[in-house]
PDB file of all heavy atoms in Angstrom:
ATOM      1  N   PRO A   1      -0.283  -6.233   7.246  1.00  0.00           N
ATOM      2  CA  PRO A   1      -1.867  -6.456   6.882  1.00  0.00           C
ATOM      3  C   PRO A   1      -2.491  -5.167   6.652  1.00  0.00           C
ATOM      4  O   PRO A   1      -3.440  -5.140   5.838  1.00  0.00           O
ATOM      5  CB  PRO A   1      -2.289  -7.344   8.107  1.00  0.00           C
ATOM      6  CG  PRO A   1      -1.142  -7.855   8.754  1.00  0.00           C
ATOM      7  CD  PRO A   1      -0.004  -6.945   8.476  1.00  0.00           C
ATOM      8  N   TRP A   2      -2.191  -4.093   7.394  1.00  0.00           N
ATOM      9  CA  TRP A   2      -2.875  -2.983   7.372  1.00  0.00           C
ATOM     10  C   TRP A   2      -2.567  -2.207   5.925  1.00  0.00           C
ATOM     11  O   TRP A   2      -3.593  -1.708   5.265  1.00  0.00           O
ATOM     12  CB  TRP A   2      -2.336  -1.949   8.336  1.00  0.00           C
ATOM     13  CG  TRP A   2      -2.936  -0.597   8.370  1.00  0.00           C
ATOM     14  CD1 TRP A   2      -4.057  -0.208   9.107  1.00  0.00           C
ATOM     15  CD2 TRP A   2      -2.483   0.635   7.829  1.00  0.00           C
ATOM     16  NE1 TRP A   2      -4.406   1.127   8.882  1.00  0.00           N
ATOM     17  CE2 TRP A   2      -3.388   1.613   8.146  1.00  0.00           C
ATOM     18  CE3 TRP A   2      -1.424   0.895   6.922  1.00  0.00           C
ATOM     19  CZ2 TRP A   2      -3.185   2.921   7.625  1.00  0.00           C
ATOM     20  CZ3 TRP A   2      -1.247   2.134   6.455  1.00  0.00           C
ATOM     21  CH2 TRP A   2      -2.164   3.174   6.747  1.00  0.00           C
ATOM     22  N   CYS A   3      -1.447  -2.377   5.527  1.00  0.00           N
ATOM     23  CA  CYS A   3      -1.048  -1.875   4.177  1.00  0.00           C
ATOM     24  C   CYS A   3      -1.821  -2.475   3.005  1.00  0.00           C
ATOM     25  O   CYS A   3      -2.414  -1.874   2.187  1.00  0.00           O
ATOM     26  CB  CYS A   3       0.458  -1.913   3.892  1.00  0.00           C
ATOM     27  SG  CYS A   3       1.484  -0.857   4.848  1.00  0.00           S
ATOM     28  N   THR A   4      -1.916  -3.795   3.070  1.00  0.00           N
ATOM     29  CA  THR A   4      -2.580  -4.531   1.960  1.00  0.00           C
ATOM     30  C   THR A   4      -4.032  -4.241   2.040  1.00  0.00           C
ATOM     31  O   THR A   4      -4.711  -4.233   1.055  1.00  0.00           O
ATOM     32  CB  THR A   4      -2.274  -6.022   2.103  1.00  0.00           C
ATOM     33  OG1 THR A   4      -2.532  -6.453   3.399  1.00  0.00           O
ATOM     34  CG2 THR A   4      -0.751  -6.339   1.813  1.00  0.00           C
ATOM     35  N   SER A   5      -4.500  -4.274   3.363  1.00  0.00           N
ATOM     36  CA  SER A   5      -6.073  -4.051   3.477  1.00  0.00           C
ATOM     37  C   SER A   5      -6.459  -2.674   2.896  1.00  0.00           C
ATOM     38  O   SER A   5      -7.554  -2.413   2.410  1.00  0.00           O
ATOM     39  CB  SER A   5      -6.429  -4.173   4.918  1.00  0.00           C
ATOM     40  OG  SER A   5      -6.300  -5.466   5.389  1.00  0.00           O
ATOM     41  N   LEU A   6      -5.684  -1.602   3.180  1.00  0.00           N
ATOM     42  CA  LEU A   6      -5.895  -0.263   2.807  1.00  0.00           C
ATOM     43  C   LEU A   6      -5.975  -0.255   1.227  1.00  0.00           C
ATOM     44  O   LEU A   6      -6.811   0.417   0.603  1.00  0.00           O
ATOM     45  CB  LEU A   6      -4.872   0.722   3.239  1.00  0.00           C
ATOM     46  CG  LEU A   6      -5.006   2.129   2.764  1.00  0.00           C
ATOM     47  CD1 LEU A   6      -6.399   2.816   3.288  1.00  0.00           C
ATOM     48  CD2 LEU A   6      -3.779   3.067   3.312  1.00  0.00           C
ATOM     49  N   ALA A   7      -4.952  -0.936   0.598  1.00  0.00           N
ATOM     50  CA  ALA A   7      -4.950  -0.939  -0.873  1.00  0.00           C
ATOM     51  C   ALA A   7      -6.033  -1.558  -1.471  1.00  0.00           C
ATOM     52  O   ALA A   7      -6.714  -1.121  -2.491  1.00  0.00           O
ATOM     53  CB  ALA A   7      -3.651  -1.695  -1.253  1.00  0.00           C
ATOM     54  N   GLN A   8      -6.577  -2.684  -0.861  1.00  0.00           N
ATOM     55  CA  GLN A   8      -7.722  -3.356  -1.332  1.00  0.00           C
ATOM     56  C   GLN A   8      -9.023  -2.565  -1.215  1.00  0.00           C
ATOM     57  O   GLN A   8      -9.780  -2.591  -2.115  1.00  0.00           O
ATOM     58  CB  GLN A   8      -7.866  -4.828  -0.518  1.00  0.00           C
ATOM     59  CG  GLN A   8      -6.734  -5.782  -0.823  1.00  0.00           C
ATOM     60  CD  GLN A   8      -6.671  -6.937   0.194  1.00  0.00           C
ATOM     61  OE1 GLN A   8      -7.571  -6.990   1.088  1.00  0.00           O
ATOM     62  NE2 GLN A   8      -5.811  -7.855  -0.010  1.00  0.00           N
ATOM     63  N   ARG A   9      -9.190  -1.923  -0.063  1.00  0.00           N
ATOM     64  CA  ARG A   9     -10.355  -1.042   0.079  1.00  0.00           C
ATOM     65  C   ARG A   9     -10.295   0.167  -0.986  1.00  0.00           C
ATOM     66  O   ARG A   9     -11.424   0.386  -1.573  1.00  0.00           O
ATOM     67  CB  ARG A   9     -10.317  -0.492   1.475  1.00  0.00           C
ATOM     68  CG  ARG A   9     -10.711  -1.399   2.531  1.00  0.00           C
ATOM     69  CD  ARG A   9     -10.972  -0.736   3.830  1.00  0.00           C
ATOM     70  NE  ARG A   9      -9.881  -0.020   4.464  1.00  0.00           N
ATOM     71  CZ  ARG A   9      -8.954  -0.427   5.278  1.00  0.00           C
ATOM     72  NH1 ARG A   9      -8.967  -1.810   5.606  1.00  0.00           N
ATOM     73  NH2 ARG A   9      -7.987   0.318   5.679  1.00  0.00           N
ATOM     74  N   MET A  10      -9.201   0.628  -1.307  1.00  0.00           N
ATOM     75  CA  MET A  10      -9.123   1.803  -2.313  1.00  0.00           C
ATOM     76  C   MET A  10      -9.380   1.085  -3.715  1.00  0.00           C
ATOM     77  O   MET A  10     -10.075   1.918  -4.557  1.00  0.00           O
ATOM     78  CB  MET A  10      -7.681   2.453  -2.198  1.00  0.00           C
ATOM     79  CG  MET A  10      -7.541   3.290  -1.028  1.00  0.00           C
ATOM     80  SD  MET A  10      -6.249   4.427  -1.322  1.00  0.00           S
ATOM     81  CE  MET A  10      -6.597   5.701   0.037  1.00  0.00           C
ATOM     82  N   ASN A  11      -8.880  -0.075  -3.901  1.00  0.00           N
ATOM     83  CA  ASN A  11      -9.224  -0.590  -5.241  1.00  0.00           C
ATOM     84  C   ASN A  11     -10.772  -0.881  -5.403  1.00  0.00           C
ATOM     85  O   ASN A  11     -11.343  -0.583  -6.498  1.00  0.00           O
ATOM     86  CB  ASN A  11      -8.605  -2.040  -5.355  1.00  0.00           C
ATOM     87  CG  ASN A  11      -6.951  -1.890  -5.442  1.00  0.00           C
ATOM     88  OD1 ASN A  11      -6.454  -0.820  -5.675  1.00  0.00           O
ATOM     89  ND2 ASN A  11      -6.356  -3.037  -5.198  1.00  0.00           N
ATOM     90  N   ARG A  12     -11.410  -1.328  -4.364  1.00  0.00           N
ATOM     91  CA  ARG A  12     -12.857  -1.515  -4.389  1.00  0.00           C
ATOM     92  C   ARG A  12     -13.576  -0.150  -4.628  1.00  0.00           C
ATOM     93  O   ARG A  12     -14.535   0.000  -5.400  1.00  0.00           O
ATOM     94  CB  ARG A  12     -13.398  -2.248  -3.232  1.00  0.00           C
ATOM     95  CG  ARG A  12     -13.045  -3.654  -3.152  1.00  0.00           C
ATOM     96  CD  ARG A  12     -13.909  -4.394  -2.007  1.00  0.00           C
ATOM     97  NE  ARG A  12     -13.721  -3.774  -0.650  1.00  0.00           N
ATOM     98  CZ  ARG A  12     -12.647  -4.270   0.185  1.00  0.00           C
ATOM     99  NH1 ARG A  12     -11.951  -5.232  -0.086  1.00  0.00           N
ATOM    100  NH2 ARG A  12     -12.708  -3.689   1.372  1.00  0.00           N
ATOM    101  N   VAL A  13     -13.253   0.851  -3.931  1.00  0.00           N
ATOM    102  CA  VAL A  13     -13.919   2.125  -3.950  1.00  0.00           C
ATOM    103  C   VAL A  13     -13.769   2.749  -5.207  1.00  0.00           C
ATOM    104  O   VAL A  13     -14.753   3.442  -5.780  1.00  0.00           O
ATOM    105  CB  VAL A  13     -13.482   3.027  -2.691  1.00  0.00           C
ATOM    106  CG1 VAL A  13     -14.103   4.399  -2.817  1.00  0.00           C
ATOM    107  CG2 VAL A  13     -14.014   2.370  -1.403  1.00  0.00           C
ATOM    108  N   THR A  14     -12.442   2.884  -5.662  1.00  0.00           N
ATOM    109  CA  THR A  14     -12.176   3.454  -7.005  1.00  0.00           C
ATOM    110  C   THR A  14     -12.482   2.749  -8.247  1.00  0.00           C
ATOM    111  O   THR A  14     -12.622   3.343  -9.305  1.00  0.00           O
ATOM    112  CB  THR A  14     -10.739   4.053  -6.995  1.00  0.00           C
ATOM    113  OG1 THR A  14      -9.933   2.871  -7.083  1.00  0.00           O
ATOM    114  CG2 THR A  14     -10.431   4.786  -5.791  1.00  0.00           C
ATOM    115  N   GLY A  15     -12.529   1.387  -8.107  1.00  0.00           N
ATOM    116  CA  GLY A  15     -12.753   0.541  -9.233  1.00  0.00           C
ATOM    117  C   GLY A  15     -11.387   0.465 -10.126  1.00  0.00           C
ATOM    118  O   GLY A  15     -11.479   0.188 -11.225  1.00  0.00           O
ATOM    119  N   ARG A  16     -10.431   0.926  -9.439  1.00  0.00           N
ATOM    120  CA  ARG A  16      -8.941   0.862 -10.224  1.00  0.00           C
ATOM    121  C   ARG A  16      -7.984   0.195  -9.215  1.00  0.00           C
ATOM    122  O   ARG A  16      -8.150   0.088  -8.063  1.00  0.00           O
ATOM    123  CB  ARG A  16      -8.565   2.290 -10.508  1.00  0.00           C
ATOM    124  CG  ARG A  16      -9.497   3.050 -11.369  1.00  0.00           C
ATOM    125  CD  ARG A  16      -9.154   4.557 -11.343  1.00  0.00           C
ATOM    126  NE  ARG A  16      -7.751   4.907 -11.602  1.00  0.00           N
ATOM    127  CZ  ARG A  16      -7.374   6.148 -11.556  1.00  0.00           C
ATOM    128  NH1 ARG A  16      -8.096   7.182 -11.263  1.00  0.00           N
ATOM    129  NH2 ARG A  16      -6.089   6.337 -11.814  1.00  0.00           N
ATOM    130  N   ASP A  17      -6.943  -0.365  -9.976  1.00  0.00           N
ATOM    131  CA  ASP A  17      -5.887  -0.975  -9.165  1.00  0.00           C
ATOM    132  C   ASP A  17      -4.920   0.099  -8.639  1.00  0.00           C
ATOM    133  O   ASP A  17      -4.116   0.596  -9.441  1.00  0.00           O
ATOM    134  CB  ASP A  17      -5.235  -2.092  -9.998  1.00  0.00           C
ATOM    135  CG  ASP A  17      -4.151  -2.817  -9.086  1.00  0.00           C
ATOM    136  OD1 ASP A  17      -4.011  -2.543  -7.922  1.00  0.00           O
ATOM    137  OD2 ASP A  17      -3.560  -3.780  -9.709  1.00  0.00           O
ATOM    138  N   MET A  18      -5.169   0.569  -7.451  1.00  0.00           N
ATOM    139  CA  MET A  18      -4.267   1.552  -6.838  1.00  0.00           C
ATOM    140  C   MET A  18      -3.221   1.069  -5.999  1.00  0.00           C
ATOM    141  O   MET A  18      -2.405   1.812  -5.430  1.00  0.00           O
ATOM    142  CB  MET A  18      -5.167   2.514  -6.021  1.00  0.00           C
ATOM    143  CG  MET A  18      -6.344   3.134  -6.784  1.00  0.00           C
ATOM    144  SD  MET A  18      -5.738   4.086  -8.094  1.00  0.00           S
ATOM    145  CE  MET A  18      -4.813   5.309  -7.335  1.00  0.00           C
ATOM    146  N   SER A  19      -3.032  -0.281  -5.885  1.00  0.00           N
ATOM    147  CA  SER A  19      -2.149  -0.917  -4.942  1.00  0.00           C
ATOM    148  C   SER A  19      -0.720  -0.440  -4.983  1.00  0.00           C
ATOM    149  O   SER A  19      -0.067   0.082  -3.980  1.00  0.00           O
ATOM    150  CB  SER A  19      -2.066  -2.542  -5.151  1.00  0.00           C
ATOM    151  OG  SER A  19      -3.415  -2.977  -4.869  1.00  0.00           O
ATOM    152  N   ALA A  20      -0.107  -0.380  -6.133  1.00  0.00           N
ATOM    153  CA  ALA A  20       1.261   0.011  -6.403  1.00  0.00           C
ATOM    154  C   ALA A  20       1.425   1.467  -5.977  1.00  0.00           C
ATOM    155  O   ALA A  20       2.465   1.753  -5.324  1.00  0.00           O
ATOM    156  CB  ALA A  20       1.651  -0.134  -7.862  1.00  0.00           C
ATOM    157  N   HIS A  21       0.449   2.344  -6.244  1.00  0.00           N
ATOM    158  CA  HIS A  21       0.726   3.766  -5.863  1.00  0.00           C
ATOM    159  C   HIS A  21       0.488   3.987  -4.391  1.00  0.00           C
ATOM    160  O   HIS A  21       1.229   4.750  -3.722  1.00  0.00           O
ATOM    161  CB  HIS A  21      -0.445   4.597  -6.632  1.00  0.00           C
ATOM    162  CG  HIS A  21      -0.391   4.503  -8.071  1.00  0.00           C
ATOM    163  ND1 HIS A  21       0.651   5.029  -8.788  1.00  0.00           N
ATOM    164  CD2 HIS A  21      -1.345   3.888  -8.934  1.00  0.00           C
ATOM    165  CE1 HIS A  21       0.359   4.826  -9.975  1.00  0.00           C
ATOM    166  NE2 HIS A  21      -0.775   4.147 -10.207  1.00  0.00           N
ATOM    167  N   VAL A  22      -0.386   3.195  -3.731  1.00  0.00           N
ATOM    168  CA  VAL A  22      -0.572   3.163  -2.335  1.00  0.00           C
ATOM    169  C   VAL A  22       0.637   2.751  -1.584  1.00  0.00           C
ATOM    170  O   VAL A  22       1.221   3.350  -0.677  1.00  0.00           O
ATOM    171  CB  VAL A  22      -1.791   2.454  -1.833  1.00  0.00           C
ATOM    172  CG1 VAL A  22      -1.800   2.370  -0.331  1.00  0.00           C
ATOM    173  CG2 VAL A  22      -3.075   3.012  -2.475  1.00  0.00           C
ATOM    174  N   TYR A  23       1.275   1.546  -2.011  1.00  0.00           N
ATOM    175  CA  TYR A  23       2.420   1.067  -1.424  1.00  0.00           C
ATOM    176  C   TYR A  23       3.626   2.020  -1.600  1.00  0.00           C
ATOM    177  O   TYR A  23       4.468   2.078  -0.814  1.00  0.00           O
ATOM    178  CB  TYR A  23       2.747  -0.308  -1.987  1.00  0.00           C
ATOM    179  CG  TYR A  23       1.749  -1.493  -1.931  1.00  0.00           C
ATOM    180  CD1 TYR A  23       1.654  -2.529  -2.749  1.00  0.00           C
ATOM    181  CD2 TYR A  23       0.895  -1.377  -0.817  1.00  0.00           C
ATOM    182  CE1 TYR A  23       0.718  -3.464  -2.463  1.00  0.00           C
ATOM    183  CE2 TYR A  23      -0.128  -2.356  -0.526  1.00  0.00           C
ATOM    184  CZ  TYR A  23      -0.145  -3.413  -1.446  1.00  0.00           C
ATOM    185  OH  TYR A  23      -1.034  -4.443  -1.226  1.00  0.00           O
ATOM    186  N   ASP A  24       3.703   2.685  -2.715  1.00  0.00           N
ATOM    187  CA  ASP A  24       4.713   3.660  -2.906  1.00  0.00           C
ATOM    188  C   ASP A  24       4.706   4.752  -1.993  1.00  0.00           C
ATOM    189  O   ASP A  24       5.863   5.158  -1.415  1.00  0.00           O
ATOM    190  CB  ASP A  24       4.789   4.263  -4.414  1.00  0.00           C
ATOM    191  CG  ASP A  24       5.928   5.019  -4.789  1.00  0.00           C
ATOM    192  OD1 ASP A  24       7.054   4.551  -4.650  1.00  0.00           O
ATOM    193  OD2 ASP A  24       5.713   6.183  -5.186  1.00  0.00           O
ATOM    194  N   VAL A  25       3.582   5.233  -1.669  1.00  0.00           N
ATOM    195  CA  VAL A  25       3.422   6.320  -0.734  1.00  0.00           C
ATOM    196  C   VAL A  25       3.812   5.850   0.695  1.00  0.00           C
ATOM    197  O   VAL A  25       4.648   6.499   1.429  1.00  0.00           O
ATOM    198  CB  VAL A  25       1.954   6.898  -0.689  1.00  0.00           C
ATOM    199  CG1 VAL A  25       1.810   7.877   0.436  1.00  0.00           C
ATOM    200  CG2 VAL A  25       1.744   7.640  -1.971  1.00  0.00           C
ATOM    201  N   LEU A  26       3.228   4.698   1.057  1.00  0.00           N
ATOM    202  CA  LEU A  26       3.483   4.201   2.375  1.00  0.00           C
ATOM    203  C   LEU A  26       4.957   3.712   2.535  1.00  0.00           C
ATOM    204  O   LEU A  26       5.390   3.647   3.793  1.00  0.00           O
ATOM    205  CB  LEU A  26       2.503   3.033   2.707  1.00  0.00           C
ATOM    206  CG  LEU A  26       1.077   3.305   2.637  1.00  0.00           C
ATOM    207  CD1 LEU A  26       0.316   1.988   2.773  1.00  0.00           C
ATOM    208  CD2 LEU A  26       0.635   4.321   3.695  1.00  0.00           C
ATOM    209  N   GLY A  27       5.661   3.373   1.530  1.00  0.00           N
ATOM    210  CA  GLY A  27       6.916   2.741   1.686  1.00  0.00           C
ATOM    211  C   GLY A  27       6.899   1.299   2.007  1.00  0.00           C
ATOM    212  O   GLY A  27       7.782   0.774   2.622  1.00  0.00           O
ATOM    213  N   TYR A  28       5.816   0.622   1.465  1.00  0.00           N
ATOM    214  CA  TYR A  28       5.723  -0.759   1.683  1.00  0.00           C
ATOM    215  C   TYR A  28       6.131  -1.624   0.587  1.00  0.00           C
ATOM    216  O   TYR A  28       5.644  -1.374  -0.650  1.00  0.00           O
ATOM    217  CB  TYR A  28       4.188  -1.040   2.068  1.00  0.00           C
ATOM    218  CG  TYR A  28       3.836  -2.641   2.049  1.00  0.00           C
ATOM    219  CD1 TYR A  28       4.384  -3.338   3.131  1.00  0.00           C
ATOM    220  CD2 TYR A  28       3.016  -3.199   1.242  1.00  0.00           C
ATOM    221  CE1 TYR A  28       4.123  -4.690   3.332  1.00  0.00           C
ATOM    222  CE2 TYR A  28       2.670  -4.525   1.312  1.00  0.00           C
ATOM    223  CZ  TYR A  28       3.170  -5.299   2.373  1.00  0.00           C
ATOM    224  OH  TYR A  28       3.038  -6.598   2.474  1.00  0.00           O
ATOM    225  N   ASP A  29       7.074  -2.619   0.914  1.00  0.00           N
ATOM    226  CA  ASP A  29       7.514  -3.514  -0.145  1.00  0.00           C
ATOM    227  C   ASP A  29       6.619  -4.765  -0.151  1.00  0.00           C
ATOM    228  O   ASP A  29       6.641  -5.556   0.596  1.00  0.00           O
ATOM    229  CB  ASP A  29       8.930  -3.897   0.142  1.00  0.00           C
ATOM    230  CG  ASP A  29       9.606  -4.774  -1.030  1.00  0.00           C
ATOM    231  OD1 ASP A  29       8.902  -5.485  -1.641  1.00  0.00           O
ATOM    232  OD2 ASP A  29      10.817  -4.645  -1.118  1.00  0.00           O
ATOM    233  N   HIS A  30       5.667  -4.865  -1.209  1.00  0.00           N
ATOM    234  CA  HIS A  30       4.760  -5.976  -1.210  1.00  0.00           C
ATOM    235  C   HIS A  30       5.349  -7.249  -1.580  1.00  0.00           C
ATOM    236  O   HIS A  30       4.879  -8.338  -0.915  1.00  0.00           O
ATOM    237  CB  HIS A  30       3.759  -5.622  -2.442  1.00  0.00           C
ATOM    238  CG  HIS A  30       2.632  -6.616  -2.506  1.00  0.00           C
ATOM    239  ND1 HIS A  30       1.769  -6.978  -1.418  1.00  0.00           N
ATOM    240  CD2 HIS A  30       2.257  -7.584  -3.466  1.00  0.00           C
ATOM    241  CE1 HIS A  30       0.918  -7.860  -1.852  1.00  0.00           C
ATOM    242  NE2 HIS A  30       1.196  -8.194  -3.127  1.00  0.00           N
ATOM    243  N   HIS A  31       6.458  -7.317  -2.204  1.00  0.00           N
ATOM    244  CA  HIS A  31       7.193  -8.500  -2.499  1.00  0.00           C
ATOM    245  C   HIS A  31       7.906  -9.095  -1.243  1.00  0.00           C
ATOM    246  O   HIS A  31       7.864 -10.280  -0.977  1.00  0.00           O
ATOM    247  CB  HIS A  31       8.158  -8.395  -3.718  1.00  0.00           C
ATOM    248  CG  HIS A  31       7.431  -8.037  -4.916  1.00  0.00           C
ATOM    249  ND1 HIS A  31       6.674  -8.737  -5.654  1.00  0.00           N
ATOM    250  CD2 HIS A  31       7.490  -6.726  -5.638  1.00  0.00           C
ATOM    251  CE1 HIS A  31       6.147  -8.174  -6.707  1.00  0.00           C
ATOM    252  NE2 HIS A  31       6.827  -6.994  -6.714  1.00  0.00           N
ATOM    253  N   GLU A  32       8.526  -8.269  -0.560  1.00  0.00           N
ATOM    254  CA  GLU A  32       9.238  -8.675   0.690  1.00  0.00           C
ATOM    255  C   GLU A  32       8.304  -8.750   1.821  1.00  0.00           C
ATOM    256  O   GLU A  32       8.716  -9.216   2.947  1.00  0.00           O
ATOM    257  CB  GLU A  32      10.520  -7.741   0.897  1.00  0.00           C
ATOM    258  CG  GLU A  32      11.460  -7.767  -0.101  1.00  0.00           C
ATOM    259  CD  GLU A  32      12.298  -9.091  -0.064  1.00  0.00           C
ATOM    260  OE1 GLU A  32      12.366  -9.635   1.023  1.00  0.00           O
ATOM    261  OE2 GLU A  32      12.824  -9.522  -1.113  1.00  0.00           O
ATOM    262  N   ARG A  33       7.131  -8.063   1.723  1.00  0.00           N
ATOM    263  CA  ARG A  33       6.197  -7.914   2.886  1.00  0.00           C
ATOM    264  C   ARG A  33       6.815  -7.263   4.090  1.00  0.00           C
ATOM    265  O   ARG A  33       6.668  -7.630   5.137  1.00  0.00           O
ATOM    266  CB  ARG A  33       5.758  -9.354   3.319  1.00  0.00           C
ATOM    267  CG  ARG A  33       4.846 -10.039   2.233  1.00  0.00           C
ATOM    268  CD  ARG A  33       4.360 -11.390   2.685  1.00  0.00           C
ATOM    269  NE  ARG A  33       3.418 -11.236   3.800  1.00  0.00           N
ATOM    270  CZ  ARG A  33       2.089 -10.932   3.765  1.00  0.00           C
ATOM    271  NH1 ARG A  33       1.615 -10.638   2.527  1.00  0.00           N
ATOM    272  NH2 ARG A  33       1.421 -10.748   4.771  1.00  0.00           N
ATOM    273  N   LYS A  34       7.515  -6.117   3.754  1.00  0.00           N
ATOM    274  CA  LYS A  34       8.193  -5.379   4.862  1.00  0.00           C
ATOM    275  C   LYS A  34       7.975  -3.767   4.587  1.00  0.00           C
ATOM    276  O   LYS A  34       7.786  -3.464   3.334  1.00  0.00           O
ATOM    277  CB  LYS A  34       9.641  -5.678   4.747  1.00  0.00           C
ATOM    278  CG  LYS A  34      10.098  -7.019   5.363  1.00  0.00           C
ATOM    279  CD  LYS A  34      11.511  -7.128   5.419  1.00  0.00           C
ATOM    280  CE  LYS A  34      11.879  -8.516   6.061  1.00  0.00           C
ATOM    281  NZ  LYS A  34      13.374  -8.713   6.216  1.00  0.00           N
ATOM    282  N   VAL A  35       7.955  -3.089   5.646  1.00  0.00           N
ATOM    283  CA  VAL A  35       7.809  -1.668   5.449  1.00  0.00           C
ATOM    284  C   VAL A  35       9.214  -0.912   5.505  1.00  0.00           C
ATOM    285  O   VAL A  35       9.982  -1.145   6.335  1.00  0.00           O
ATOM    286  CB  VAL A  35       6.912  -1.092   6.677  1.00  0.00           C
ATOM    287  CG1 VAL A  35       6.877   0.472   6.435  1.00  0.00           C
ATOM    288  CG2 VAL A  35       5.685  -1.728   6.814  1.00  0.00           C
ATOM    289  N   ARG A  36       9.397  -0.251   4.369  1.00  0.00           N
ATOM    290  CA  ARG A  36      10.669   0.397   4.194  1.00  0.00           C
ATOM    291  C   ARG A  36      10.552   1.902   4.540  1.00  0.00           C
ATOM    292  O   ARG A  36       9.572   2.372   5.141  1.00  0.00           O
ATOM    293  CB  ARG A  36      11.171   0.281   2.792  1.00  0.00           C
ATOM    294  CG  ARG A  36      11.166  -1.105   2.264  1.00  0.00           C
ATOM    295  CD  ARG A  36      12.103  -2.052   2.907  1.00  0.00           C
ATOM    296  NE  ARG A  36      12.186  -3.352   2.217  1.00  0.00           N
ATOM    297  CZ  ARG A  36      12.985  -4.300   2.741  1.00  0.00           C
ATOM    298  NH1 ARG A  36      13.753  -4.131   3.835  1.00  0.00           N
ATOM    299  NH2 ARG A  36      13.053  -5.483   2.123  1.00  0.00           N
ATOM    300  N   ILE A  37      11.566   2.678   4.195  1.00  0.00           N
ATOM    301  CA  ILE A  37      11.466   4.147   4.434  1.00  0.00           C
ATOM    302  C   ILE A  37      10.368   4.826   3.664  1.00  0.00           C
ATOM    303  O   ILE A  37      10.059   4.429   2.486  1.00  0.00           O
ATOM    304  CB  ILE A  37      12.829   4.805   4.071  1.00  0.00           C
ATOM    305  CG1 ILE A  37      13.932   4.242   4.876  1.00  0.00           C
ATOM    306  CG2 ILE A  37      12.572   6.389   4.050  1.00  0.00           C
ATOM    307  CD1 ILE A  37      13.883   4.730   6.393  1.00  0.00           C
ATOM    308  N   GLY A  38       9.556   5.458   4.232  1.00  0.00           N
ATOM    309  CA  GLY A  38       8.326   6.056   3.516  1.00  0.00           C
ATOM    310  C   GLY A  38       7.418   6.711   4.672  1.00  0.00           C
ATOM    311  O   GLY A  38       7.618   6.859   5.817  1.00  0.00           O
ATOM    312  N   ALA A  39       6.218   7.123   4.157  1.00  0.00           N
ATOM    313  CA  ALA A  39       5.324   7.807   5.011  1.00  0.00           C
ATOM    314  C   ALA A  39       4.911   7.046   6.279  1.00  0.00           C
ATOM    315  O   ALA A  39       4.748   7.707   7.323  1.00  0.00           O
ATOM    316  CB  ALA A  39       4.034   8.181   4.216  1.00  0.00           C
ATOM    317  N   LEU A  40       4.671   5.826   6.084  1.00  0.00           N
ATOM    318  CA  LEU A  40       4.153   4.969   7.185  1.00  0.00           C
ATOM    319  C   LEU A  40       5.251   4.929   8.369  1.00  0.00           C
ATOM    320  O   LEU A  40       4.898   4.896   9.486  1.00  0.00           O
ATOM    321  CB  LEU A  40       3.655   3.453   6.799  1.00  0.00           C
ATOM    322  CG  LEU A  40       3.201   2.554   7.867  1.00  0.00           C
ATOM    323  CD1 LEU A  40       1.939   3.246   8.462  1.00  0.00           C
ATOM    324  CD2 LEU A  40       2.771   1.310   7.293  1.00  0.00           C
ATOM    325  N   ALA A  41       6.405   4.924   7.992  1.00  0.00           N
ATOM    326  CA  ALA A  41       7.585   4.709   8.963  1.00  0.00           C
ATOM    327  C   ALA A  41       7.826   6.126   9.581  1.00  0.00           C
ATOM    328  O   ALA A  41       8.478   6.078  10.697  1.00  0.00           O
ATOM    329  CB  ALA A  41       8.761   4.106   8.253  1.00  0.00           C
ATOM    330  N   GLU A  42       7.612   7.206   8.773  1.00  0.00           N
ATOM    331  CA  GLU A  42       8.141   8.527   9.342  1.00  0.00           C
ATOM    332  C   GLU A  42       7.134   9.598   9.488  1.00  0.00           C
ATOM    333  O   GLU A  42       7.520  10.579  10.128  1.00  0.00           O
ATOM    334  CB  GLU A  42       9.109   8.994   8.170  1.00  0.00           C
ATOM    335  CG  GLU A  42      10.295   8.080   7.998  1.00  0.00           C
ATOM    336  CD  GLU A  42      11.392   8.701   7.164  1.00  0.00           C
ATOM    337  OE1 GLU A  42      11.048   9.419   6.281  1.00  0.00           O
ATOM    338  OE2 GLU A  42      12.493   8.539   7.502  1.00  0.00           O
TER     339      GLU A  42
END
């Protein structure tokens, strides 16, 4: 929930869809709803 909420807030503030880029940095798999290797885990 934290990953998806952060992406949504960034989308609202920037007026752009930043979700994929945010998830890529965090290492979050939106389709599987799981955190993989990435910044959030390490």
